[in-house]
C-alpha atoms as a PDB file:
ATOM      1  CA  UNK A   1     -17.702 -64.843  88.713  1.00  0.00           C
ATOM      2  CA  UNK A   2     -20.280 -66.457  90.966  1.00  0.00           C
ATOM      3  CA  UNK A   3     -23.859 -65.258  90.394  1.00  0.00           C
ATOM      4  CA  UNK A   4     -26.617 -66.424  92.719  1.00  0.00           C
ATOM      5  CA  UNK A   5     -29.909 -66.841  90.831  1.00  0.00           C
ATOM      6  CA  UNK A   6     -33.247 -67.711  92.344  1.00  0.00           C
ATOM      7  CA  UNK A   7     -36.951 -67.393  91.631  1.00  0.00           C
ATOM      8  CA  UNK A   8     -38.852 -65.249  94.112  1.00  0.00           C
ATOM      9  CA  UNK A   9     -42.300 -63.949  94.870  1.00  0.00           C
ATOM     10  CA  UNK A  10     -42.236 -60.350  96.064  1.00  0.00           C
ATOM     11  CA  UNK A  11     -44.731 -59.011  98.587  1.00  0.00           C
ATOM     12  CA  UNK A  12     -45.438 -55.559  97.169  1.00  0.00           C
ATOM     13  CA  UNK A  13     -48.312 -53.448  98.471  1.00  0.00           C
ATOM     14  CA  UNK A  14     -49.901 -56.591  99.826  1.00  0.00           C
ATOM     15  CA  UNK A  15     -49.739 -58.268  96.415  1.00  0.00           C
ATOM     16  CA  UNK A  16     -47.696 -61.287  95.396  1.00  0.00           C
ATOM     17  CA  UNK A  17     -45.643 -60.410  92.322  1.00  0.00           C
ATOM     18  CA  UNK A  18     -43.603 -63.134  90.668  1.00  0.00           C
ATOM     19  CA  UNK A  19     -40.035 -62.713  89.534  1.00  0.00           C
ATOM     20  CA  UNK A  20     -36.426 -63.713  90.056  1.00  0.00           C
ATOM     21  CA  UNK A  21     -33.108 -62.278  91.187  1.00  0.00           C
ATOM     22  CA  UNK A  22     -29.515 -62.629  90.022  1.00  0.00           C
ATOM     23  CA  UNK A  23     -26.855 -61.262  92.365  1.00  0.00           C
ATOM     24  CA  UNK A  24     -23.119 -61.359  91.491  1.00  0.00           C
ATOM     25  CA  UNK A  25     -20.291 -61.115  93.981  1.00  0.00           C
ATOM     26  CA  UNK A  26     -19.774 -57.583  95.372  1.00  0.00           C
ATOM     27  CA  UNK A  27     -22.442 -55.925  93.182  1.00  0.00           C
ATOM     28  CA  UNK A  28     -21.953 -52.273  92.244  1.00  0.00           C
ATOM     29  CA  UNK A  29     -25.663 -51.698  91.641  1.00  0.00           C
ATOM     30  CA  UNK A  30     -29.009 -53.302  90.924  1.00  0.00           C
ATOM     31  CA  UNK A  31     -31.313 -53.030  87.923  1.00  0.00           C
ATOM     32  CA  UNK A  32     -35.022 -53.791  88.083  1.00  0.00           C
ATOM     33  CA  UNK A  33     -36.324 -55.477  84.936  1.00  0.00           C
ATOM     34  CA  UNK A  34     -39.932 -54.334  85.229  1.00  0.00           C
ATOM     35  CA  UNK A  35     -42.340 -56.602  83.364  1.00  0.00           C
ATOM     36  CA  UNK A  36     -45.588 -55.057  82.249  1.00  0.00           C
ATOM     37  CA  UNK A  37     -48.467 -56.799  80.496  1.00  0.00           C
ATOM     38  CA  UNK A  38     -48.725 -57.479  76.808  1.00  0.00           C
ATOM     39  CA  UNK A  39     -45.038 -58.034  76.077  1.00  0.00           C
ATOM     40  CA  UNK A  40     -43.771 -60.876  73.911  1.00  0.00           C
ATOM     41  CA  UNK A  41     -40.252 -62.289  73.647  1.00  0.00           C
ATOM     42  CA  UNK A  42     -39.367 -60.554  76.910  1.00  0.00           C
ATOM     43  CA  UNK A  43     -37.995 -63.660  78.652  1.00  0.00           C
ATOM     44  CA  UNK A  44     -35.114 -64.103  76.225  1.00  0.00           C
ATOM     45  CA  UNK A  45     -34.356 -60.382  76.250  1.00  0.00           C
ATOM     46  CA  UNK A  46     -34.350 -60.199  80.034  1.00  0.00           C
ATOM     47  CA  UNK A  47     -32.066 -63.229  80.320  1.00  0.00           C
ATOM     48  CA  UNK A  48     -29.578 -61.721  77.884  1.00  0.00           C
ATOM     49  CA  UNK A  49     -29.628 -58.391  79.721  1.00  0.00           C
ATOM     50  CA  UNK A  50     -29.248 -60.077  83.103  1.00  0.00           C
ATOM     51  CA  UNK A  51     -26.290 -62.138  81.873  1.00  0.00           C
ATOM     52  CA  UNK A  52     -24.512 -59.090  80.460  1.00  0.00           C
ATOM     53  CA  UNK A  53     -25.098 -57.054  83.621  1.00  0.00           C
ATOM     54  CA  UNK A  54     -23.851 -59.907  85.775  1.00  0.00           C
ATOM     55  CA  UNK A  55     -20.538 -59.771  83.921  1.00  0.00           C
ATOM     56  CA  UNK A  56     -20.002 -56.206  85.180  1.00  0.00           C
ATOM     57  CA  UNK A  57     -21.214 -56.961  88.746  1.00  0.00           C
ATOM     58  CA  UNK A  58     -24.675 -55.472  88.425  1.00  0.00           C
ATOM     59  CA  UNK A  59     -27.461 -57.414  90.135  1.00  0.00           C
ATOM     60  CA  UNK A  60     -30.815 -57.793  88.391  1.00  0.00           C
ATOM     61  CA  UNK A  61     -34.302 -58.216  89.790  1.00  0.00           C
ATOM     62  CA  UNK A  62     -37.015 -59.215  87.343  1.00  0.00           C
ATOM     63  CA  UNK A  63     -40.554 -58.586  88.565  1.00  0.00           C
ATOM     64  CA  UNK A  64     -43.966 -58.943  86.977  1.00  0.00           C
ATOM     65  CA  UNK A  65     -45.875 -55.779  87.818  1.00  0.00           C
ATOM     66  CA  UNK A  66     -49.227 -57.578  87.571  1.00  0.00           C
ATOM     67  CA  UNK A  67     -50.340 -60.519  89.655  1.00  0.00           C
ATOM     68  CA  UNK A  68     -51.122 -63.816  87.950  1.00  0.00           C
ATOM     69  CA  UNK A  69     -54.847 -63.074  88.170  1.00  0.00           C
ATOM     70  CA  UNK A  70     -54.375 -59.585  86.735  1.00  0.00           C
ATOM     71  CA  UNK A  71     -52.345 -60.981  83.853  1.00  0.00           C
ATOM     72  CA  UNK A  72     -55.257 -63.256  82.952  1.00  0.00           C
ATOM     73  CA  UNK A  73     -57.676 -60.330  83.109  1.00  0.00           C
ATOM     74  CA  UNK A  74     -55.467 -58.185  80.914  1.00  0.00           C
ATOM     75  CA  UNK A  75     -54.935 -60.985  78.397  1.00  0.00           C
ATOM     76  CA  UNK A  76     -58.714 -61.112  77.946  1.00  0.00           C
ATOM     77  CA  UNK A  77     -59.560 -57.405  78.156  1.00  0.00           C
ATOM     78  CA  UNK A  78     -56.314 -55.407  77.668  1.00  0.00           C
ATOM     79  CA  UNK A  79     -57.646 -53.107  80.392  1.00  0.00           C
ATOM     80  CA  UNK A  80     -54.484 -52.924  82.518  1.00  0.00           C
ATOM     81  CA  UNK A  81     -51.630 -52.775  80.049  1.00  0.00           C
ATOM     82  CA  UNK A  82     -51.796 -49.010  79.532  1.00  0.00           C
ATOM     83  CA  UNK A  83     -52.398 -48.088  83.176  1.00  0.00           C
ATOM     84  CA  UNK A  84     -49.119 -46.209  83.629  1.00  0.00           C
ATOM     85  CA  UNK A  85     -50.025 -44.971  87.110  1.00  0.00           C
ATOM     86  CA  UNK A  86     -50.618 -48.516  88.377  1.00  0.00           C
ATOM     87  CA  UNK A  87     -47.328 -49.708  86.876  1.00  0.00           C
ATOM     88  CA  UNK A  88     -45.517 -46.680  88.273  1.00  0.00           C
ATOM     89  CA  UNK A  89     -46.821 -47.115  91.822  1.00  0.00           C
ATOM     90  CA  UNK A  90     -45.813 -50.773  91.853  1.00  0.00           C
ATOM     91  CA  UNK A  91     -42.359 -49.969  90.496  1.00  0.00           C
ATOM     92  CA  UNK A  92     -41.912 -47.363  93.241  1.00  0.00           C
ATOM     93  CA  UNK A  93     -42.975 -49.891  95.871  1.00  0.00           C
ATOM     94  CA  UNK A  94     -40.504 -52.399  94.438  1.00  0.00           C
ATOM     95  CA  UNK A  95     -37.722 -49.823  94.655  1.00  0.00           C
ATOM     96  CA  UNK A  96     -38.542 -49.155  98.301  1.00  0.00           C
ATOM     97  CA  UNK A  97     -38.383 -52.874  99.012  1.00  0.00           C
ATOM     98  CA  UNK A  98     -35.009 -53.320  97.333  1.00  0.00           C
ATOM     99  CA  UNK A  99     -33.572 -50.252  99.058  1.00  0.00           C
ATOM    100  CA  UNK A 100     -33.961 -52.031 102.397  1.00  0.00           C
ATOM    101  CA  UNK A 101     -33.424 -55.631 101.288  1.00  0.00           C
ATOM    102  CA  UNK A 102     -30.240 -57.248 102.587  1.00  0.00           C
ATOM    103  CA  UNK A 103     -28.713 -58.157  99.224  1.00  0.00           C
ATOM    104  CA  UNK A 104     -29.451 -54.829  97.543  1.00  0.00           C
ATOM    105  CA  UNK A 105     -29.675 -52.305 100.399  1.00  0.00           C
ATOM    106  CA  UNK A 106     -27.586 -49.225  99.747  1.00  0.00           C
ATOM    107  CA  UNK A 107     -26.909 -50.029  96.090  1.00  0.00           C
ATOM    108  CA  UNK A 108     -27.604 -47.455  93.373  1.00  0.00           C
ATOM    109  CA  UNK A 109     -30.365 -48.599  91.076  1.00  0.00           C
ATOM    110  CA  UNK A 110     -31.510 -48.636  87.499  1.00  0.00           C
ATOM    111  CA  UNK A 111     -34.762 -49.500  85.754  1.00  0.00           C
ATOM    112  CA  UNK A 112     -35.534 -51.278  82.486  1.00  0.00           C
ATOM    113  CA  UNK A 113     -39.065 -51.416  81.169  1.00  0.00           C
ATOM    114  CA  UNK A 114     -40.395 -52.269  77.720  1.00  0.00           C
ATOM    115  CA  UNK A 115     -43.802 -51.431  76.284  1.00  0.00           C
ATOM    116  CA  UNK A 116     -46.020 -49.660  78.845  1.00  0.00           C
ATOM    117  CA  UNK A 117     -43.680 -50.623  81.696  1.00  0.00           C
ATOM    118  CA  UNK A 118     -41.344 -47.941  80.348  1.00  0.00           C
ATOM    119  CA  UNK A 119     -43.844 -45.330  81.518  1.00  0.00           C
ATOM    120  CA  UNK A 120     -44.002 -46.959  84.934  1.00  0.00           C
ATOM    121  CA  UNK A 121     -40.210 -46.794  85.145  1.00  0.00           C
ATOM    122  CA  UNK A 122     -40.115 -43.102  84.304  1.00  0.00           C
ATOM    123  CA  UNK A 123     -42.835 -42.338  86.843  1.00  0.00           C
ATOM    124  CA  UNK A 124     -40.735 -44.193  89.413  1.00  0.00           C
ATOM    125  CA  UNK A 125     -37.609 -42.314  88.317  1.00  0.00           C
ATOM    126  CA  UNK A 126     -39.444 -39.043  88.938  1.00  0.00           C
ATOM    127  CA  UNK A 127     -40.590 -40.230  92.381  1.00  0.00           C
ATOM    128  CA  UNK A 128     -37.322 -41.813  93.567  1.00  0.00           C
ATOM    129  CA  UNK A 129     -34.514 -39.698  92.039  1.00  0.00           C
ATOM    130  CA  UNK A 130     -31.976 -40.615  94.718  1.00  0.00           C
ATOM    131  CA  UNK A 131     -32.276 -44.320  93.944  1.00  0.00           C
ATOM    132  CA  UNK A 132     -32.833 -44.367  90.185  1.00  0.00           C
ATOM    133  CA  UNK A 133     -29.556 -43.519  88.467  1.00  0.00           C
ATOM    134  CA  UNK A 134     -30.391 -44.742  84.949  1.00  0.00           C
ATOM    135  CA  UNK A 135     -33.335 -45.938  82.841  1.00  0.00           C
ATOM    136  CA  UNK A 136     -33.532 -48.020  79.656  1.00  0.00           C
ATOM    137  CA  UNK A 137     -36.697 -48.377  77.557  1.00  0.00           C
ATOM    138  CA  UNK A 138     -36.566 -50.941  74.705  1.00  0.00           C
ATOM    139  CA  UNK A 139     -39.569 -50.624  72.369  1.00  0.00           C
ATOM    140  CA  UNK A 140     -41.287 -48.693  75.137  1.00  0.00           C
ATOM    141  CA  UNK A 141     -44.072 -46.195  75.553  1.00  0.00           C
ATOM    142  CA  UNK A 142     -42.403 -43.485  77.661  1.00  0.00           C
ATOM    143  CA  UNK A 143     -45.010 -41.018  76.416  1.00  0.00           C
ATOM    144  CA  UNK A 144     -47.602 -42.695  78.663  1.00  0.00           C
ATOM    145  CA  UNK A 145     -45.816 -41.219  81.697  1.00  0.00           C
ATOM    146  CA  UNK A 146     -47.308 -37.844  80.777  1.00  0.00           C
ATOM    147  CA  UNK A 147     -46.271 -34.907  82.972  1.00  0.00           C
ATOM    148  CA  UNK A 148     -43.979 -37.107  85.063  1.00  0.00           C
ATOM    149  CA  UNK A 149     -41.484 -36.883  82.199  1.00  0.00           C
ATOM    150  CA  UNK A 150     -40.878 -33.267  83.133  1.00  0.00           C
ATOM    151  CA  UNK A 151     -39.399 -34.283  86.494  1.00  0.00           C
ATOM    152  CA  UNK A 152     -37.709 -37.579  85.536  1.00  0.00           C
ATOM    153  CA  UNK A 153     -34.028 -36.629  85.776  1.00  0.00           C
ATOM    154  CA  UNK A 154     -32.259 -39.986  85.510  1.00  0.00           C
ATOM    155  CA  UNK A 155     -30.237 -40.468  82.305  1.00  0.00           C
ATOM    156  CA  UNK A 156     -32.536 -42.367  79.959  1.00  0.00           C
ATOM    157  CA  UNK A 157     -31.829 -44.551  76.931  1.00  0.00           C
ATOM    158  CA  UNK A 158     -34.768 -45.090  74.567  1.00  0.00           C
ATOM    159  CA  UNK A 159     -34.147 -47.980  72.154  1.00  0.00           C
ATOM    160  CA  UNK A 160     -36.405 -48.346  69.104  1.00  0.00           C
ATOM    161  CA  UNK A 161     -36.363 -50.533  66.016  1.00  0.00           C
ATOM    162  CA  UNK A 162     -35.369 -48.688  62.842  1.00  0.00           C
ATOM    163  CA  UNK A 163     -38.558 -49.665  60.999  1.00  0.00           C
ATOM    164  CA  UNK A 164     -40.991 -48.886  63.811  1.00  0.00           C
ATOM    165  CA  UNK A 165     -41.718 -45.350  62.634  1.00  0.00           C
ATOM    166  CA  UNK A 166     -44.748 -44.793  64.883  1.00  0.00           C
ATOM    167  CA  UNK A 167     -42.956 -45.794  68.069  1.00  0.00           C
ATOM    168  CA  UNK A 168     -39.847 -43.915  66.981  1.00  0.00           C
ATOM    169  CA  UNK A 169     -41.851 -40.701  66.713  1.00  0.00           C
ATOM    170  CA  UNK A 170     -43.463 -41.247  70.116  1.00  0.00           C
ATOM    171  CA  UNK A 171     -40.064 -41.838  71.688  1.00  0.00           C
ATOM    172  CA  UNK A 172     -38.536 -38.780  70.066  1.00  0.00           C
ATOM    173  CA  UNK A 173     -41.380 -36.598  71.347  1.00  0.00           C
ATOM    174  CA  UNK A 174     -41.009 -38.106  74.831  1.00  0.00           C
ATOM    175  CA  UNK A 175     -37.235 -37.592  74.733  1.00  0.00           C
ATOM    176  CA  UNK A 176     -37.759 -33.867  74.301  1.00  0.00           C
ATOM    177  CA  UNK A 177     -39.887 -33.813  77.466  1.00  0.00           C
ATOM    178  CA  UNK A 178     -37.772 -35.969  79.783  1.00  0.00           C
ATOM    179  CA  UNK A 179     -35.957 -33.722  82.236  1.00  0.00           C
ATOM    180  CA  UNK A 180     -32.743 -35.743  82.404  1.00  0.00           C
ATOM    181  CA  UNK A 181     -30.199 -36.416  79.649  1.00  0.00           C
ATOM    182  CA  UNK A 182     -31.885 -38.669  77.105  1.00  0.00           C
ATOM    183  CA  UNK A 183     -30.702 -40.580  74.053  1.00  0.00           C
ATOM    184  CA  UNK A 184     -32.811 -42.264  71.361  1.00  0.00           C
ATOM    185  CA  UNK A 185     -30.932 -45.219  69.846  1.00  0.00           C
ATOM    186  CA  UNK A 186     -32.108 -47.050  66.710  1.00  0.00           C
ATOM    187  CA  UNK A 187     -31.557 -50.755  66.139  1.00  0.00           C
ATOM    188  CA  UNK A 188     -30.846 -51.332  62.447  1.00  0.00           C
ATOM    189  CA  UNK A 189     -33.133 -53.642  60.452  1.00  0.00           C
ATOM    190  CA  UNK A 190     -35.524 -54.101  63.408  1.00  0.00           C
ATOM    191  CA  UNK A 191     -39.261 -53.448  63.629  1.00  0.00           C
ATOM    192  CA  UNK A 192     -41.502 -53.134  66.663  1.00  0.00           C
ATOM    193  CA  UNK A 193     -40.476 -56.359  68.391  1.00  0.00           C
ATOM    194  CA  UNK A 194     -36.826 -56.780  69.284  1.00  0.00           C
ATOM    195  CA  UNK A 195     -36.972 -60.525  68.852  1.00  0.00           C
ATOM    196  CA  UNK A 196     -34.083 -61.379  66.539  1.00  0.00           C
ATOM    197  CA  UNK A 197     -31.137 -62.967  68.443  1.00  0.00           C
ATOM    198  CA  UNK A 198     -28.667 -60.499  66.946  1.00  0.00           C
ATOM    199  CA  UNK A 199     -30.786 -57.490  67.899  1.00  0.00           C
ATOM    200  CA  UNK A 200     -31.368 -58.850  71.398  1.00  0.00           C
ATOM    201  CA  UNK A 201     -27.644 -59.421  71.875  1.00  0.00           C
ATOM    202  CA  UNK A 202     -26.893 -55.859  70.766  1.00  0.00           C
ATOM    203  CA  UNK A 203     -29.577 -54.490  73.064  1.00  0.00           C
ATOM    204  CA  UNK A 204     -28.138 -56.440  76.011  1.00  0.00           C
ATOM    205  CA  UNK A 205     -24.698 -54.974  75.332  1.00  0.00           C
ATOM    206  CA  UNK A 206     -26.145 -51.463  75.132  1.00  0.00           C
ATOM    207  CA  UNK A 207     -27.889 -51.990  78.475  1.00  0.00           C
ATOM    208  CA  UNK A 208     -24.695 -53.342  80.020  1.00  0.00           C
ATOM    209  CA  UNK A 209     -22.650 -50.339  78.958  1.00  0.00           C
ATOM    210  CA  UNK A 210     -25.346 -47.799  79.921  1.00  0.00           C
ATOM    211  CA  UNK A 211     -25.953 -49.144  83.409  1.00  0.00           C
ATOM    212  CA  UNK A 212     -22.301 -49.972  84.131  1.00  0.00           C
ATOM    213  CA  UNK A 213     -21.155 -46.440  83.391  1.00  0.00           C
ATOM    214  CA  UNK A 214     -23.890 -44.696  85.355  1.00  0.00           C
ATOM    215  CA  UNK A 215     -24.074 -47.051  88.344  1.00  0.00           C
ATOM    216  CA  UNK A 216     -20.314 -47.286  88.689  1.00  0.00           C
ATOM    217  CA  UNK A 217     -20.040 -43.494  88.580  1.00  0.00           C
ATOM    218  CA  UNK A 218     -22.562 -43.302  91.421  1.00  0.00           C
ATOM    219  CA  UNK A 219     -20.756 -45.976  93.426  1.00  0.00           C
ATOM    220  CA  UNK A 220     -17.380 -44.288  92.994  1.00  0.00           C
ATOM    221  CA  UNK A 221     -18.817 -40.910  93.949  1.00  0.00           C
ATOM    222  CA  UNK A 222     -20.299 -42.414  97.128  1.00  0.00           C
ATOM    223  CA  UNK A 223     -16.917 -43.879  98.029  1.00  0.00           C
ATOM    224  CA  UNK A 224     -15.172 -40.492  97.926  1.00  0.00           C
ATOM    225  CA  UNK A 225     -14.185 -39.160 101.387  1.00  0.00           C
END
Protein backbone atom coordinates (compact mmCIF):
# COMPACT_ATOMS: atom_id res chain seq x y z
CA UNK A 1 0.00 0.00 0.00
CA UNK A 2 1.31 3.42 -0.96
CA UNK A 3 1.57 5.88 1.95
CA UNK A 4 2.52 9.49 1.26
CA UNK A 5 4.62 10.92 4.11
CA UNK A 6 5.80 14.48 4.44
CA UNK A 7 6.92 16.96 7.07
CA UNK A 8 4.67 19.98 7.46
CA UNK A 9 4.29 23.16 9.43
CA UNK A 10 0.68 23.84 10.36
CA UNK A 11 -0.71 27.36 10.64
CA UNK A 12 -2.94 27.03 13.70
CA UNK A 13 -4.41 30.09 15.39
CA UNK A 14 -1.73 32.19 13.76
CA UNK A 15 1.01 29.96 15.18
CA UNK A 16 3.41 27.73 13.29
CA UNK A 17 3.23 24.21 14.72
CA UNK A 18 5.62 21.59 13.41
CA UNK A 19 4.61 18.08 12.48
CA UNK A 20 4.18 15.57 9.69
CA UNK A 21 1.48 13.65 7.84
CA UNK A 22 1.15 10.10 6.54
CA UNK A 23 -1.76 9.45 4.19
CA UNK A 24 -2.47 5.97 2.73
CA UNK A 25 -4.51 5.28 -0.37
CA UNK A 26 -8.28 5.72 0.15
CA UNK A 27 -8.06 6.47 3.90
CA UNK A 28 -11.01 5.50 6.08
CA UNK A 29 -10.15 8.05 8.77
CA UNK A 30 -7.46 10.24 10.26
CA UNK A 31 -5.82 10.21 13.69
CA UNK A 32 -4.10 13.23 15.19
CA UNK A 33 -1.01 12.31 17.21
CA UNK A 34 -1.02 15.33 19.51
CA UNK A 35 2.41 16.08 20.95
CA UNK A 36 2.49 17.95 24.22
CA UNK A 37 5.56 19.14 26.11
CA UNK A 38 7.67 17.07 28.43
CA UNK A 39 7.32 13.72 26.68
CA UNK A 40 10.25 11.39 26.07
CA UNK A 41 10.51 8.46 23.67
CA UNK A 42 7.46 9.77 21.82
CA UNK A 43 9.06 9.77 18.35
CA UNK A 44 9.52 6.00 18.25
CA UNK A 45 6.04 5.42 19.66
CA UNK A 46 4.41 7.75 17.16
CA UNK A 47 6.24 6.13 14.24
CA UNK A 48 5.12 2.67 15.32
CA UNK A 49 1.52 3.83 15.74
CA UNK A 50 1.55 5.62 12.39
CA UNK A 51 2.93 2.54 10.62
CA UNK A 52 0.29 0.26 12.14
CA UNK A 53 -2.54 2.67 11.30
CA UNK A 54 -1.28 3.02 7.75
CA UNK A 55 -1.68 -0.73 7.31
CA UNK A 56 -5.43 -0.38 7.92
CA UNK A 57 -5.80 2.77 5.76
CA UNK A 58 -5.91 5.29 8.57
CA UNK A 59 -4.05 8.55 7.94
CA UNK A 60 -2.02 10.11 10.74
CA UNK A 61 -1.14 13.72 11.45
CA UNK A 62 1.51 14.35 14.08
CA UNK A 63 1.56 17.89 15.46
CA UNK A 64 3.53 19.59 18.20
CA UNK A 65 1.03 21.61 20.21
CA UNK A 66 3.71 24.10 21.29
CA UNK A 67 5.79 26.27 19.01
CA UNK A 68 9.56 25.84 18.96
CA UNK A 69 9.96 28.90 21.18
CA UNK A 70 7.34 27.64 23.63
CA UNK A 71 9.06 24.27 23.82
CA UNK A 72 12.28 26.01 24.88
CA UNK A 73 10.41 28.00 27.52
CA UNK A 74 8.73 24.91 28.89
CA UNK A 75 11.98 22.94 28.94
CA UNK A 76 13.42 25.64 31.22
CA UNK A 77 10.37 26.43 33.36
CA UNK A 78 7.84 23.57 32.94
CA UNK A 79 5.18 26.29 32.93
CA UNK A 80 3.23 25.11 29.87
CA UNK A 81 3.20 21.34 30.10
CA UNK A 82 0.18 21.15 32.40
CA UNK A 83 -1.86 23.87 30.69
CA UNK A 84 -4.67 21.56 29.55
CA UNK A 85 -6.83 24.42 28.27
CA UNK A 86 -4.06 25.68 25.97
CA UNK A 87 -3.44 22.16 24.64
CA UNK A 88 -7.17 21.59 24.21
CA UNK A 89 -7.78 24.81 22.27
CA UNK A 90 -4.92 24.04 19.90
CA UNK A 91 -6.13 20.48 19.37
CA UNK A 92 -9.61 21.82 18.54
CA UNK A 93 -8.11 24.28 16.06
CA UNK A 94 -6.12 21.46 14.48
CA UNK A 95 -9.29 19.40 14.11
CA UNK A 96 -11.05 22.29 12.39
CA UNK A 97 -8.14 22.61 9.98
CA UNK A 98 -8.12 18.92 9.09
CA UNK A 99 -11.90 18.85 8.66
CA UNK A 100 -11.54 21.22 5.71
CA UNK A 101 -8.14 20.11 4.40
CA UNK A 102 -8.21 18.41 1.00
CA UNK A 103 -6.57 15.14 2.03
CA UNK A 104 -8.58 14.68 5.22
CA UNK A 105 -11.82 16.61 4.64
CA UNK A 106 -14.88 14.56 5.48
CA UNK A 107 -12.96 11.77 7.22
CA UNK A 108 -13.92 10.64 10.73
CA UNK A 109 -11.19 11.40 13.21
CA UNK A 110 -9.42 10.09 16.26
CA UNK A 111 -7.00 11.58 18.77
CA UNK A 112 -3.94 10.17 20.54
CA UNK A 113 -2.24 12.14 23.26
CA UNK A 114 0.25 11.06 25.91
CA UNK A 115 1.12 12.86 29.14
CA UNK A 116 -0.74 16.18 29.45
CA UNK A 117 -1.73 16.10 25.77
CA UNK A 118 -4.25 13.42 26.77
CA UNK A 119 -6.21 16.11 28.60
CA UNK A 120 -6.08 18.34 25.54
CA UNK A 121 -7.46 15.49 23.44
CA UNK A 122 -10.37 14.89 25.79
CA UNK A 123 -11.20 18.59 25.90
CA UNK A 124 -11.23 18.53 22.09
CA UNK A 125 -13.38 15.39 22.10
CA UNK A 126 -15.91 17.21 24.27
CA UNK A 127 -15.87 20.24 21.95
CA UNK A 128 -15.95 18.40 18.60
CA UNK A 129 -18.05 15.24 19.18
CA UNK A 130 -19.07 14.90 15.54
CA UNK A 131 -15.45 14.66 14.39
CA UNK A 132 -13.78 12.78 17.24
CA UNK A 133 -14.84 9.14 17.08
CA UNK A 134 -12.15 7.63 19.32
CA UNK A 135 -9.39 8.65 21.75
CA UNK A 136 -6.28 6.85 23.01
CA UNK A 137 -4.19 8.05 25.96
CA UNK A 138 -0.89 6.19 26.58
CA UNK A 139 0.66 7.11 29.94
CA UNK A 140 -1.58 10.17 29.93
CA UNK A 141 -3.06 12.61 32.37
CA UNK A 142 -6.75 12.59 31.37
CA UNK A 143 -7.61 13.87 34.85
CA UNK A 144 -6.25 17.30 33.87
CA UNK A 145 -9.25 17.76 31.57
CA UNK A 146 -11.38 18.37 34.67
CA UNK A 147 -15.10 18.90 34.06
CA UNK A 148 -14.70 18.39 30.31
CA UNK A 149 -14.54 14.66 31.04
CA UNK A 150 -18.23 14.75 31.87
CA UNK A 151 -19.11 15.66 28.27
CA UNK A 152 -16.38 13.74 26.39
CA UNK A 153 -18.42 10.99 24.72
CA UNK A 154 -15.93 9.44 22.29
CA UNK A 155 -14.88 5.87 23.16
CA UNK A 156 -11.61 6.24 25.06
CA UNK A 157 -8.75 3.82 25.67
CA UNK A 158 -6.46 4.68 28.60
CA UNK A 159 -3.20 2.70 28.49
CA UNK A 160 -1.01 2.60 31.60
CA UNK A 161 2.09 0.67 32.61
CA UNK A 162 1.42 -2.07 35.16
CA UNK A 163 3.96 -0.70 37.65
CA UNK A 164 2.92 2.95 37.41
CA UNK A 165 0.53 2.79 40.36
CA UNK A 166 0.09 6.56 40.72
CA UNK A 167 -0.83 7.12 37.09
CA UNK A 168 -2.98 4.00 37.09
CA UNK A 169 -5.06 5.40 39.94
CA UNK A 170 -5.43 8.77 38.21
CA UNK A 171 -6.56 7.06 35.02
CA UNK A 172 -9.05 4.86 36.82
CA UNK A 173 -10.58 7.88 38.55
CA UNK A 174 -10.74 9.74 35.22
CA UNK A 175 -12.30 6.71 33.52
CA UNK A 176 -15.21 6.85 35.94
CA UNK A 177 -15.84 10.47 34.94
CA UNK A 178 -15.51 10.24 31.15
CA UNK A 179 -18.98 10.32 29.62
CA UNK A 180 -18.26 7.90 26.78
CA UNK A 181 -17.37 4.20 26.96
CA UNK A 182 -13.91 3.96 28.49
CA UNK A 183 -11.42 1.15 29.00
CA UNK A 184 -8.26 1.15 31.14
CA UNK A 185 -5.67 -1.25 29.70
CA UNK A 186 -2.50 -2.26 31.57
CA UNK A 187 0.77 -3.04 29.84
CA UNK A 188 2.50 -5.87 31.69
CA UNK A 189 5.98 -5.30 33.14
CA UNK A 190 5.95 -1.59 32.18
CA UNK A 191 6.43 1.48 34.35
CA UNK A 192 5.66 5.12 33.64
CA UNK A 193 7.47 5.38 30.31
CA UNK A 194 6.38 3.06 27.53
CA UNK A 195 9.85 2.91 26.05
CA UNK A 196 10.62 -0.78 25.66
CA UNK A 197 10.36 -1.93 22.00
CA UNK A 198 8.05 -4.80 22.91
CA UNK A 199 5.71 -2.55 24.89
CA UNK A 200 5.70 0.07 22.14
CA UNK A 201 4.88 -2.57 19.53
CA UNK A 202 1.99 -3.85 21.65
CA UNK A 203 0.72 -0.32 22.19
CA UNK A 204 0.82 0.37 18.44
CA UNK A 205 -1.23 -2.76 17.78
CA UNK A 206 -3.77 -1.75 20.43
CA UNK A 207 -4.08 1.68 18.82
CA UNK A 208 -4.48 0.12 15.38
CA UNK A 209 -7.30 -2.15 16.50
CA UNK A 210 -9.06 0.57 18.54
CA UNK A 211 -9.07 3.20 15.82
CA UNK A 212 -9.74 0.77 12.95
CA UNK A 213 -12.87 -0.60 14.59
CA UNK A 214 -14.32 2.76 15.58
CA UNK A 215 -13.38 4.76 12.47
CA UNK A 216 -14.46 2.01 10.10
CA UNK A 217 -17.79 1.72 11.90
CA UNK A 218 -18.30 5.46 11.41
CA UNK A 219 -17.31 5.28 7.75
CA UNK A 220 -19.63 2.35 7.07
CA UNK A 221 -22.51 4.06 8.85
CA UNK A 222 -21.99 7.19 6.73
CA UNK A 223 -22.10 5.09 3.58
CA UNK A 224 -25.53 3.65 4.39
CA UNK A 225 -28.34 5.00 2.15
